[in-house]
Amino acid sequence: MRVTANSETCAVSSLCVYRVPGVFDQDEDGLVLVLDDSPAESLYEEIRRAARGCPTKSIRVVEDSAAGEAAQAAPAAPAVETADAATGGAA
């Protein structure tokens, strides 16, 4: 996994820093900094959550393999199905 962040679009919400402080930090203006662009595998899921939770989508996660991409996509599918079920399947 490779992690990058765009400080030009950062909204200074600090959610990424709170979620994974060993990977993300903030500069003197509060904008996102990536401290570890190749983090340990044990942090992958929290980093994915941080990227999904970023209000400006300023965090980018690039998976190393197709297996990693499948793992990233898997949690999103049930959430969509659950939302559809809650609305009675109406689209």
Protein backbone atom coordinates (compact mmCIF):
# COMPACT_ATOMS: atom_id res chain seq x y z
CA MET A 1 0.00 0.00 0.00
CA ARG A 2 1.10 3.52 -0.80
CA VAL A 3 -0.48 6.55 0.84
CA THR A 4 -0.50 10.10 -0.47
CA ALA A 5 -2.41 13.21 0.53
CA ASN A 6 -3.20 16.46 -1.22
CA SER A 7 -2.65 19.34 1.20
CA GLU A 8 -4.12 21.77 -1.36
CA THR A 9 -7.59 20.24 -0.94
CA CYS A 10 -7.29 19.43 2.78
CA ALA A 11 -10.09 20.89 4.91
CA VAL A 12 -8.11 20.59 8.17
CA SER A 13 -10.69 18.26 9.73
CA SER A 14 -7.90 16.25 11.42
CA LEU A 15 -9.89 13.01 11.17
CA CYS A 16 -7.00 11.20 9.49
CA VAL A 17 -4.58 12.29 12.23
CA TYR A 18 -6.91 11.06 14.96
CA ARG A 19 -7.51 7.75 13.19
CA VAL A 20 -3.87 6.90 12.26
CA PRO A 21 -1.44 9.29 13.98
CA GLY A 22 1.63 7.28 12.98
CA VAL A 23 0.80 7.75 9.31
CA PHE A 24 -0.78 11.23 9.21
CA ASP A 25 0.08 14.52 10.85
CA GLN A 26 -0.54 18.21 10.23
CA ASP A 27 1.79 21.02 9.26
CA GLU A 28 1.88 24.40 11.02
CA ASP A 29 -1.25 25.45 9.07
CA GLY A 30 -3.12 22.28 10.02
CA LEU A 31 -2.87 20.73 6.56
CA VAL A 32 -2.37 17.00 6.17
CA LEU A 33 1.10 15.49 6.04
CA VAL A 34 1.89 11.86 5.31
CA LEU A 35 4.51 10.62 7.78
CA ASP A 36 4.68 7.06 6.44
CA ASP A 37 3.76 6.52 2.79
CA SER A 38 4.40 2.75 3.02
CA PRO A 39 2.75 1.79 6.32
CA ALA A 40 2.67 -1.59 8.05
CA GLU A 41 -0.01 -3.99 6.88
CA SER A 42 -1.58 -3.94 10.34
CA LEU A 43 -2.63 -0.32 9.68
CA TYR A 44 -4.19 -0.86 6.24
CA GLU A 45 -7.83 -1.02 7.32
CA GLU A 46 -7.57 2.08 9.52
CA ILE A 47 -5.88 3.95 6.65
CA ARG A 48 -8.67 2.90 4.29
CA ARG A 49 -11.22 4.18 6.82
CA ALA A 50 -9.32 7.45 7.12
CA ALA A 51 -9.33 7.85 3.33
CA ARG A 52 -13.06 7.06 3.08
CA GLY A 53 -13.78 9.46 5.95
CA CYS A 54 -11.83 12.39 4.56
CA PRO A 55 -14.43 15.09 3.81
CA THR A 56 -12.48 16.39 0.81
CA LYS A 57 -11.15 13.02 -0.38
CA SER A 58 -7.63 14.40 -0.05
CA ILE A 59 -6.14 11.04 0.97
CA ARG A 60 -5.26 8.56 -1.75
CA VAL A 61 -4.55 4.89 -1.10
CA VAL A 62 -2.91 2.81 -3.82
CA GLU A 63 -3.05 -0.91 -3.18
CA ASP A 64 -0.01 -3.04 -4.03
CA SER A 65 -1.99 -5.88 -5.60
CA ALA A 66 -5.38 -6.87 -7.01
CA ALA A 67 -6.02 -8.82 -3.79
CA GLY A 68 -5.66 -5.61 -1.80
CA GLU A 69 -8.06 -3.79 -4.10
CA ALA A 70 -10.61 -6.58 -3.63
CA ALA A 71 -10.20 -6.34 0.14
CA GLN A 72 -10.74 -2.57 -0.03
CA ALA A 73 -13.87 -2.91 -2.19
CA ALA A 74 -15.44 -5.71 -0.13
CA PRO A 75 -16.53 -3.62 2.89
CA ALA A 76 -18.24 -1.03 0.70
CA ALA A 77 -20.56 -3.49 -1.07
CA PRO A 78 -22.47 -4.69 2.03
CA ALA A 79 -22.98 -1.10 3.18
CA VAL A 80 -24.67 -0.26 -0.13
CA GLU A 81 -26.82 -3.38 0.06
CA THR A 82 -27.79 -2.55 3.63
CA ALA A 83 -28.76 0.98 2.60
CA ASP A 84 -30.89 -0.41 -0.26
CA ALA A 85 -32.57 -2.86 2.10
CA ALA A 86 -33.36 -0.04 4.52
CA THR A 87 -35.14 1.90 1.75
CA GLY A 88 -37.10 -1.14 0.66
CA GLY A 89 -34.91 -1.67 -2.39
CA ALA A 90 -36.11 1.54 -4.04
CA ALA A 91 -33.54 3.16 -6.24
